[in-house]
Amino acid sequence: MTVYILIQMVHFVSRAFILLVIVDAVMSFFVDSYHPVRVAIRRIVDPLLNPIRRTLPTVGMIDFSPLVLIIILQVVETLLVRVLASMA
């Protein structure tokens, strides 16, 4: 029972973080960089995006680091769920 709860928590945290990454990427097109909501989301997302941005070069004006972060988050989620499921 507790393993099931942990798996659900991993799913929830992963999906919430992926949603924040997507919202941050979309807001970068439409909302001012100093808007309080955007600043708050950036404080959460940037610690994971910045290492990817340092290693991944930008292609023209396109930043692929949010896409790479989403893929990494999904892989980590899958691995964690498999490890937790094997413990049940």
PDB file of N, CA and C in Angstrom:
ATOM      1  N   MET A   1       0.817  -1.201   0.000  1.00  0.00           N
ATOM      2  CA  MET A   1       0.000   0.000   0.000  1.00  0.00           C
ATOM      3  C   MET A   1       0.858   1.262   0.000  1.00  0.00           C
ATOM      4  N   THR A   2       1.908   1.300   0.824  1.00  0.00           N
ATOM      5  CA  THR A   2       2.747   2.495   0.871  1.00  0.00           C
ATOM      6  C   THR A   2       3.556   2.664  -0.402  1.00  0.00           C
ATOM      7  N   VAL A   3       3.921   1.561  -1.049  1.00  0.00           N
ATOM      8  CA  VAL A   3       4.653   1.652  -2.307  1.00  0.00           C
ATOM      9  C   VAL A   3       3.760   2.278  -3.373  1.00  0.00           C
ATOM     10  N   TYR A   4       2.479   1.918  -3.363  1.00  0.00           N
ATOM     11  CA  TYR A   4       1.542   2.504  -4.315  1.00  0.00           C
ATOM     12  C   TYR A   4       1.434   4.012  -4.106  1.00  0.00           C
ATOM     13  N   ILE A   5       1.415   4.439  -2.858  1.00  0.00           N
ATOM     14  CA  ILE A   5       1.352   5.871  -2.551  1.00  0.00           C
ATOM     15  C   ILE A   5       2.620   6.572  -3.027  1.00  0.00           C
ATOM     16  N   LEU A   6       3.771   5.947  -2.828  1.00  0.00           N
ATOM     17  CA  LEU A   6       5.032   6.531  -3.303  1.00  0.00           C
ATOM     18  C   LEU A   6       5.056   6.647  -4.827  1.00  0.00           C
ATOM     19  N   ILE A   7       4.552   5.634  -5.497  1.00  0.00           N
ATOM     20  CA  ILE A   7       4.496   5.674  -6.963  1.00  0.00           C
ATOM     21  C   ILE A   7       3.596   6.818  -7.418  1.00  0.00           C
ATOM     22  N   GLN A   8       2.468   6.987  -6.774  1.00  0.00           N
ATOM     23  CA  GLN A   8       1.568   8.083  -7.122  1.00  0.00           C
ATOM     24  C   GLN A   8       2.214   9.438  -6.857  1.00  0.00           C
ATOM     25  N   MET A   9       2.976   9.550  -5.775  1.00  0.00           N
ATOM     26  CA  MET A   9       3.676  10.798  -5.480  1.00  0.00           C
ATOM     27  C   MET A   9       4.732  11.105  -6.524  1.00  0.00           C
ATOM     28  N   VAL A  10       5.450  10.075  -6.973  1.00  0.00           N
ATOM     29  CA  VAL A  10       6.462  10.261  -8.017  1.00  0.00           C
ATOM     30  C   VAL A  10       5.791  10.735  -9.297  1.00  0.00           C
ATOM     31  N   HIS A  11       4.674  10.119  -9.660  1.00  0.00           N
ATOM     32  CA  HIS A  11       3.928  10.553 -10.847  1.00  0.00           C
ATOM     33  C   HIS A  11       3.486  12.011 -10.713  1.00  0.00           C
ATOM     34  N   PHE A  12       2.921  12.354  -9.571  1.00  0.00           N
ATOM     35  CA  PHE A  12       2.401  13.704  -9.364  1.00  0.00           C
ATOM     36  C   PHE A  12       3.507  14.748  -9.430  1.00  0.00           C
ATOM     37  N   VAL A  13       4.616  14.513  -8.736  1.00  0.00           N
ATOM     38  CA  VAL A  13       5.710  15.482  -8.724  1.00  0.00           C
ATOM     39  C   VAL A  13       6.318  15.621 -10.117  1.00  0.00           C
ATOM     40  N   SER A  14       6.482  14.508 -10.803  1.00  0.00           N
ATOM     41  CA  SER A  14       7.037  14.553 -12.154  1.00  0.00           C
ATOM     42  C   SER A  14       6.132  15.330 -13.094  1.00  0.00           C
ATOM     43  N   ARG A  15       4.853  15.038 -13.079  1.00  0.00           N
ATOM     44  CA  ARG A  15       3.917  15.728 -13.974  1.00  0.00           C
ATOM     45  C   ARG A  15       3.802  17.208 -13.629  1.00  0.00           C
ATOM     46  N   ALA A  16       3.823  17.532 -12.344  1.00  0.00           N
ATOM     47  CA  ALA A  16       3.752  18.939 -11.936  1.00  0.00           C
ATOM     48  C   ALA A  16       4.985  19.693 -12.419  1.00  0.00           C
ATOM     49  N   PHE A  17       6.161  19.082 -12.286  1.00  0.00           N
ATOM     50  CA  PHE A  17       7.379  19.750 -12.729  1.00  0.00           C
ATOM     51  C   PHE A  17       7.416  19.893 -14.246  1.00  0.00           C
ATOM     52  N   ILE A  18       6.967  18.877 -14.961  1.00  0.00           N
ATOM     53  CA  ILE A  18       6.903  18.962 -16.421  1.00  0.00           C
ATOM     54  C   ILE A  18       5.944  20.076 -16.833  1.00  0.00           C
ATOM     55  N   LEU A  19       4.826  20.182 -16.144  1.00  0.00           N
ATOM     56  CA  LEU A  19       3.878  21.253 -16.438  1.00  0.00           C
ATOM     57  C   LEU A  19       4.509  22.622 -16.192  1.00  0.00           C
ATOM     58  N   LEU A  20       5.281  22.764 -15.117  1.00  0.00           N
ATOM     59  CA  LEU A  20       5.961  24.032 -14.851  1.00  0.00           C
ATOM     60  C   LEU A  20       6.967  24.373 -15.949  1.00  0.00           C
ATOM     61  N   VAL A  21       7.675  23.377 -16.447  1.00  0.00           N
ATOM     62  CA  VAL A  21       8.637  23.610 -17.530  1.00  0.00           C
ATOM     63  C   VAL A  21       7.914  24.082 -18.783  1.00  0.00           C
ATOM     64  N   ILE A  22       6.789  23.452 -19.098  1.00  0.00           N
ATOM     65  CA  ILE A  22       6.017  23.847 -20.276  1.00  0.00           C
ATOM     66  C   ILE A  22       5.447  25.253 -20.105  1.00  0.00           C
ATOM     67  N   VAL A  23       4.901  25.547 -18.928  1.00  0.00           N
ATOM     68  CA  VAL A  23       4.348  26.875 -18.673  1.00  0.00           C
ATOM     69  C   VAL A  23       5.444  27.933 -18.774  1.00  0.00           C
ATOM     70  N   ASP A  24       6.624  27.638 -18.248  1.00  0.00           N
ATOM     71  CA  ASP A  24       7.736  28.586 -18.328  1.00  0.00           C
ATOM     72  C   ASP A  24       8.133  28.838 -19.777  1.00  0.00           C
ATOM     73  N   ALA A  25       8.184  27.782 -20.580  1.00  0.00           N
ATOM     74  CA  ALA A  25       8.562  27.943 -21.985  1.00  0.00           C
ATOM     75  C   ALA A  25       7.518  28.756 -22.751  1.00  0.00           C
ATOM     76  N   VAL A  26       6.251  28.501 -22.504  1.00  0.00           N
ATOM     77  CA  VAL A  26       5.194  29.244 -23.200  1.00  0.00           C
ATOM     78  C   VAL A  26       5.163  30.693 -22.727  1.00  0.00           C
ATOM     79  N   MET A  27       5.312  30.897 -21.415  1.00  0.00           N
ATOM     80  CA  MET A  27       5.278  32.262 -20.886  1.00  0.00           C
ATOM     81  C   MET A  27       6.443  33.101 -21.395  1.00  0.00           C
ATOM     82  N   SER A  28       7.541  32.452 -21.768  1.00  0.00           N
ATOM     83  CA  SER A  28       8.685  33.212 -22.264  1.00  0.00           C
ATOM     84  C   SER A  28       8.368  33.931 -23.572  1.00  0.00           C
ATOM     85  N   PHE A  29       7.361  33.448 -24.302  1.00  0.00           N
ATOM     86  CA  PHE A  29       6.962  34.100 -25.550  1.00  0.00           C
ATOM     87  C   PHE A  29       6.015  35.271 -25.325  1.00  0.00           C
ATOM     88  N   PHE A  30       5.203  35.218 -24.282  1.00  0.00           N
ATOM     89  CA  PHE A  30       4.107  36.162 -24.136  1.00  0.00           C
ATOM     90  C   PHE A  30       4.195  37.094 -22.937  1.00  0.00           C
ATOM     91  N   VAL A  31       4.908  36.695 -21.891  1.00  0.00           N
ATOM     92  CA  VAL A  31       4.895  37.448 -20.642  1.00  0.00           C
ATOM     93  C   VAL A  31       6.255  38.096 -20.422  1.00  0.00           C
ATOM     94  N   ASP A  32       6.224  39.286 -19.838  1.00  0.00           N
ATOM     95  CA  ASP A  32       7.443  40.022 -19.533  1.00  0.00           C
ATOM     96  C   ASP A  32       8.353  39.194 -18.623  1.00  0.00           C
ATOM     97  N   SER A  33       9.638  39.327 -18.807  1.00  0.00           N
ATOM     98  CA  SER A  33      10.613  38.559 -18.049  1.00  0.00           C
ATOM     99  C   SER A  33      10.569  38.851 -16.553  1.00  0.00           C
ATOM    100  N   TYR A  34      10.073  40.019 -16.164  1.00  0.00           N
ATOM    101  CA  TYR A  34      10.050  40.402 -14.755  1.00  0.00           C
ATOM    102  C   TYR A  34       8.676  40.251 -14.119  1.00  0.00           C
ATOM    103  N   HIS A  35       7.750  39.595 -14.786  1.00  0.00           N
ATOM    104  CA  HIS A  35       6.427  39.353 -14.219  1.00  0.00           C
ATOM    105  C   HIS A  35       6.585  38.430 -13.000  1.00  0.00           C
ATOM    106  N   PRO A  36       5.888  38.715 -11.894  1.00  0.00           N
ATOM    107  CA  PRO A  36       6.077  37.936 -10.662  1.00  0.00           C
ATOM    108  C   PRO A  36       5.804  36.433 -10.821  1.00  0.00           C
ATOM    109  N   VAL A  37       4.813  36.071 -11.619  1.00  0.00           N
ATOM    110  CA  VAL A  37       4.522  34.643 -11.820  1.00  0.00           C
ATOM    111  C   VAL A  37       5.665  33.974 -12.571  1.00  0.00           C
ATOM    112  N   ARG A  38       6.152  34.643 -13.574  1.00  0.00           N
ATOM    113  CA  ARG A  38       7.256  34.082 -14.361  1.00  0.00           C
ATOM    114  C   ARG A  38       8.531  33.974 -13.534  1.00  0.00           C
ATOM    115  N   VAL A  39       8.789  34.967 -12.693  1.00  0.00           N
ATOM    116  CA  VAL A  39       9.961  34.927 -11.815  1.00  0.00           C
ATOM    117  C   VAL A  39       9.850  33.756 -10.841  1.00  0.00           C
ATOM    118  N   ALA A  40       8.657  33.533 -10.281  1.00  0.00           N
ATOM    119  CA  ALA A  40       8.461  32.431  -9.343  1.00  0.00           C
ATOM    120  C   ALA A  40       8.666  31.078 -10.015  1.00  0.00           C
ATOM    121  N   ILE A  41       8.131  30.926 -11.221  1.00  0.00           N
ATOM    122  CA  ILE A  41       8.301  29.664 -11.938  1.00  0.00           C
ATOM    123  C   ILE A  41       9.767  29.454 -12.312  1.00  0.00           C
ATOM    124  N   ARG A  42      10.431  30.537 -12.714  1.00  0.00           N
ATOM    125  CA  ARG A  42      11.845  30.426 -13.074  1.00  0.00           C
ATOM    126  C   ARG A  42      12.709  30.006 -11.891  1.00  0.00           C
ATOM    127  N   ARG A  43      12.364  30.470 -10.692  1.00  0.00           N
ATOM    128  CA  ARG A  43      13.120  30.061  -9.493  1.00  0.00           C
ATOM    129  C   ARG A  43      13.034  28.565  -9.251  1.00  0.00           C
ATOM    130  N   ILE A  44      11.936  27.967  -9.666  1.00  0.00           N
ATOM    131  CA  ILE A  44      11.755  26.529  -9.490  1.00  0.00           C
ATOM    132  C   ILE A  44      12.429  25.752 -10.618  1.00  0.00           C
ATOM    133  N   VAL A  45      12.308  26.230 -11.834  1.00  0.00           N
ATOM    134  CA  VAL A  45      12.735  25.475 -13.016  1.00  0.00           C
ATOM    135  C   VAL A  45      14.214  25.689 -13.359  1.00  0.00           C
ATOM    136  N   ASP A  46      14.713  26.896 -13.181  1.00  0.00           N
ATOM    137  CA  ASP A  46      16.074  27.216 -13.622  1.00  0.00           C
ATOM    138  C   ASP A  46      17.191  26.374 -13.000  1.00  0.00           C
ATOM    139  N   PRO A  47      17.102  25.951 -11.728  1.00  0.00           N
ATOM    140  CA  PRO A  47      18.198  25.112 -11.222  1.00  0.00           C
ATOM    141  C   PRO A  47      18.420  23.825 -12.006  1.00  0.00           C
ATOM    142  N   LEU A  48      17.386  23.296 -12.619  1.00  0.00           N
ATOM    143  CA  LEU A  48      17.563  22.107 -13.458  1.00  0.00           C
ATOM    144  C   LEU A  48      17.830  22.447 -14.916  1.00  0.00           C
ATOM    145  N   LEU A  49      17.361  23.597 -15.368  1.00  0.00           N
ATOM    146  CA  LEU A  49      17.582  23.980 -16.762  1.00  0.00           C
ATOM    147  C   LEU A  49      18.984  24.533 -17.012  1.00  0.00           C
ATOM    148  N   ASN A  50      19.546  25.243 -16.061  1.00  0.00           N
ATOM    149  CA  ASN A  50      20.834  25.901 -16.284  1.00  0.00           C
ATOM    150  C   ASN A  50      21.974  24.939 -16.631  1.00  0.00           C
ATOM    151  N   PRO A  51      22.130  23.790 -15.951  1.00  0.00           N
ATOM    152  CA  PRO A  51      23.203  22.863 -16.388  1.00  0.00           C
ATOM    153  C   PRO A  51      22.998  22.361 -17.813  1.00  0.00           C
ATOM    154  N   ILE A  52      21.752  22.156 -18.206  1.00  0.00           N
ATOM    155  CA  ILE A  52      21.469  21.702 -19.571  1.00  0.00           C
ATOM    156  C   ILE A  52      21.787  22.816 -20.555  1.00  0.00           C
ATOM    157  N   ARG A  53      21.451  24.047 -20.204  1.00  0.00           N
ATOM    158  CA  ARG A  53      21.737  25.183 -21.086  1.00  0.00           C
ATOM    159  C   ARG A  53      23.237  25.386 -21.269  1.00  0.00           C
ATOM    160  N   ARG A  54      24.018  25.093 -20.236  1.00  0.00           N
ATOM    161  CA  ARG A  54      25.479  25.259 -20.350  1.00  0.00           C
ATOM    162  C   ARG A  54      26.093  24.219 -21.281  1.00  0.00           C
ATOM    163  N   THR A  55      25.520  23.018 -21.309  1.00  0.00           N
ATOM    164  CA  THR A  55      26.115  21.956 -22.116  1.00  0.00           C
ATOM    165  C   THR A  55      25.510  21.846 -23.509  1.00  0.00           C
ATOM    166  N   LEU A  56      24.256  22.264 -23.662  1.00  0.00           N
ATOM    167  CA  LEU A  56      23.558  22.142 -24.938  1.00  0.00           C
ATOM    168  C   LEU A  56      23.586  23.482 -25.667  1.00  0.00           C
ATOM    169  N   PRO A  57      24.162  23.518 -26.844  1.00  0.00           N
ATOM    170  CA  PRO A  57      24.187  24.794 -27.565  1.00  0.00           C
ATOM    171  C   PRO A  57      22.803  25.136 -28.121  1.00  0.00           C
ATOM    172  N   THR A  58      22.527  26.431 -28.198  1.00  0.00           N
ATOM    173  CA  THR A  58      21.260  26.847 -28.796  1.00  0.00           C
ATOM    174  C   THR A  58      21.375  26.759 -30.312  1.00  0.00           C
ATOM    175  N   VAL A  59      20.268  26.454 -30.940  1.00  0.00           N
ATOM    176  CA  VAL A  59      20.219  26.348 -32.394  1.00  0.00           C
ATOM    177  C   VAL A  59      19.466  27.578 -32.886  1.00  0.00           C
ATOM    178  N   GLY A  60      20.207  28.557 -33.379  1.00  0.00           N
ATOM    179  CA  GLY A  60      19.586  29.811 -33.783  1.00  0.00           C
ATOM    180  C   GLY A  60      19.024  30.521 -32.567  1.00  0.00           C
ATOM    181  N   MET A  61      17.740  30.797 -32.585  1.00  0.00           N
ATOM    182  CA  MET A  61      17.079  31.442 -31.450  1.00  0.00           C
ATOM    183  C   MET A  61      16.287  30.428 -30.620  1.00  0.00           C
ATOM    184  N   ILE A  62      16.437  29.147 -30.891  1.00  0.00           N
ATOM    185  CA  ILE A  62      15.635  28.114 -30.233  1.00  0.00           C
ATOM    186  C   ILE A  62      16.438  27.472 -29.109  1.00  0.00           C
ATOM    187  N   ASP A  63      15.809  27.407 -27.931  1.00  0.00           N
ATOM    188  CA  ASP A  63      16.411  26.779 -26.761  1.00  0.00           C
ATOM    189  C   ASP A  63      15.750  25.416 -26.558  1.00  0.00           C
ATOM    190  N   PHE A  64      16.505  24.350 -26.748  1.00  0.00           N
ATOM    191  CA  PHE A  64      15.968  23.008 -26.607  1.00  0.00           C
ATOM    192  C   PHE A  64      16.113  22.449 -25.200  1.00  0.00           C
ATOM    193  N   SER A  65      16.653  23.226 -24.269  1.00  0.00           N
ATOM    194  CA  SER A  65      16.859  22.710 -22.917  1.00  0.00           C
ATOM    195  C   SER A  65      15.564  22.309 -22.214  1.00  0.00           C
ATOM    196  N   PRO A  66      14.428  23.015 -22.379  1.00  0.00           N
ATOM    197  CA  PRO A  66      13.199  22.507 -21.744  1.00  0.00           C
ATOM    198  C   PRO A  66      12.783  21.132 -22.266  1.00  0.00           C
ATOM    199  N   LEU A  67      12.947  20.895 -23.557  1.00  0.00           N
ATOM    200  CA  LEU A  67      12.613  19.595 -24.125  1.00  0.00           C
ATOM    201  C   LEU A  67      13.515  18.502 -23.558  1.00  0.00           C
ATOM    202  N   VAL A  68      14.802  18.790 -23.447  1.00  0.00           N
ATOM    203  CA  VAL A  68      15.742  17.820 -22.890  1.00  0.00           C
ATOM    204  C   VAL A  68      15.403  17.539 -21.429  1.00  0.00           C
ATOM    205  N   LEU A  69      15.055  18.580 -20.675  1.00  0.00           N
ATOM    206  CA  LEU A  69      14.694  18.398 -19.269  1.00  0.00           C
ATOM    207  C   LEU A  69      13.433  17.545 -19.134  1.00  0.00           C
ATOM    208  N   ILE A  70      12.458  17.767 -19.987  1.00  0.00           N
ATOM    209  CA  ILE A  70      11.234  16.960 -19.928  1.00  0.00           C
ATOM    210  C   ILE A  70      11.546  15.492 -20.205  1.00  0.00           C
ATOM    211  N   ILE A  71      12.396  15.229 -21.177  1.00  0.00           N
ATOM    212  CA  ILE A  71      12.779  13.839 -21.487  1.00  0.00           C
ATOM    213  C   ILE A  71      13.518  13.223 -20.303  1.00  0.00           C
ATOM    214  N   ILE A  72      14.438  13.959 -19.694  1.00  0.00           N
ATOM    215  CA  ILE A  72      15.169  13.456 -18.534  1.00  0.00           C
ATOM    216  C   ILE A  72      14.218  13.176 -17.378  1.00  0.00           C
ATOM    217  N   LEU A  73      13.277  14.078 -17.132  1.00  0.00           N
ATOM    218  CA  LEU A  73      12.313  13.867 -16.056  1.00  0.00           C
ATOM    219  C   LEU A  73      11.463  12.630 -16.292  1.00  0.00           C
ATOM    220  N   GLN A  74      11.068  12.406 -17.525  1.00  0.00           N
ATOM    221  CA  GLN A  74      10.263  11.220 -17.822  1.00  0.00           C
ATOM    222  C   GLN A  74      11.064   9.936 -17.656  1.00  0.00           C
ATOM    223  N   VAL A  75      12.331   9.959 -18.030  1.00  0.00           N
ATOM    224  CA  VAL A  75      13.176   8.777 -17.857  1.00  0.00           C
ATOM    225  C   VAL A  75      13.387   8.488 -16.365  1.00  0.00           C
ATOM    226  N   VAL A  76      13.667   9.531 -15.587  1.00  0.00           N
ATOM    227  CA  VAL A  76      13.865   9.352 -14.151  1.00  0.00           C
ATOM    228  C   VAL A  76      12.574   8.854 -13.496  1.00  0.00           C
ATOM    229  N   GLU A  77      11.440   9.405 -13.915  1.00  0.00           N
ATOM    230  CA  GLU A  77      10.156   8.942 -13.369  1.00  0.00           C
ATOM    231  C   GLU A  77       9.944   7.466 -13.670  1.00  0.00           C
ATOM    232  N   THR A  78      10.201   7.061 -14.892  1.00  0.00           N
ATOM    233  CA  THR A  78      10.020   5.661 -15.270  1.00  0.00           C
ATOM    234  C   THR A  78      10.921   4.752 -14.453  1.00  0.00           C
ATOM    235  N   LEU A  79      12.175   5.147 -14.287  1.00  0.00           N
ATOM    236  CA  LEU A  79      13.103   4.331 -13.505  1.00  0.00           C
ATOM    237  C   LEU A  79      12.676   4.239 -12.046  1.00  0.00           C
ATOM    238  N   LEU A  80      12.270   5.363 -11.463  1.00  0.00           N
ATOM    239  CA  LEU A  80      11.823   5.346 -10.064  1.00  0.00           C
ATOM    240  C   LEU A  80      10.581   4.486  -9.878  1.00  0.00           C
ATOM    241  N   VAL A  81       9.643   4.588 -10.794  1.00  0.00           N
ATOM    242  CA  VAL A  81       8.425   3.793 -10.687  1.00  0.00           C
ATOM    243  C   VAL A  81       8.748   2.307 -10.814  1.00  0.00           C
ATOM    244  N   ARG A  82       9.647   1.958 -11.701  1.00  0.00           N
ATOM    245  CA  ARG A  82      10.018   0.541 -11.856  1.00  0.00           C
ATOM    246  C   ARG A  82      10.716  -0.001 -10.606  1.00  0.00           C
ATOM    247  N   VAL A  83      11.595   0.824 -10.013  1.00  0.00           N
ATOM    248  CA  VAL A  83      12.273   0.388  -8.798  1.00  0.00           C
ATOM    249  C   VAL A  83      11.265   0.242  -7.660  1.00  0.00           C
ATOM    250  N   LEU A  84      10.372   1.207  -7.526  1.00  0.00           N
ATOM    251  CA  LEU A  84       9.360   1.121  -6.463  1.00  0.00           C
ATOM    252  C   LEU A  84       8.397  -0.034  -6.696  1.00  0.00           C
ATOM    253  N   ALA A  85       8.040  -0.284  -7.938  1.00  0.00           N
ATOM    254  CA  ALA A  85       7.128  -1.385  -8.246  1.00  0.00           C
ATOM    255  C   ALA A  85       7.785  -2.729  -7.959  1.00  0.00           C
ATOM    256  N   SER A  86       9.086  -2.817  -8.165  1.00  0.00           N
ATOM    257  CA  SER A  86       9.770  -4.080  -7.893  1.00  0.00           C
ATOM    258  C   SER A  86       9.885  -4.329  -6.388  1.00  0.00           C
ATOM    259  N   MET A  87       9.760  -3.302  -5.591  1.00  0.00           N
ATOM    260  CA  MET A  87       9.825  -3.457  -4.133  1.00  0.00           C
ATOM    261  C   MET A  87       8.498  -3.938  -3.563  1.00  0.00           C
ATOM    262  N   ALA A  88       7.435  -3.831  -4.343  1.00  0.00           N
ATOM    263  CA  ALA A  88       6.104  -4.216  -3.826  1.00  0.00           C
ATOM    264  C   ALA A  88       5.935  -5.707  -3.758  1.00  0.00           C
TER     265      ALA A  88
END
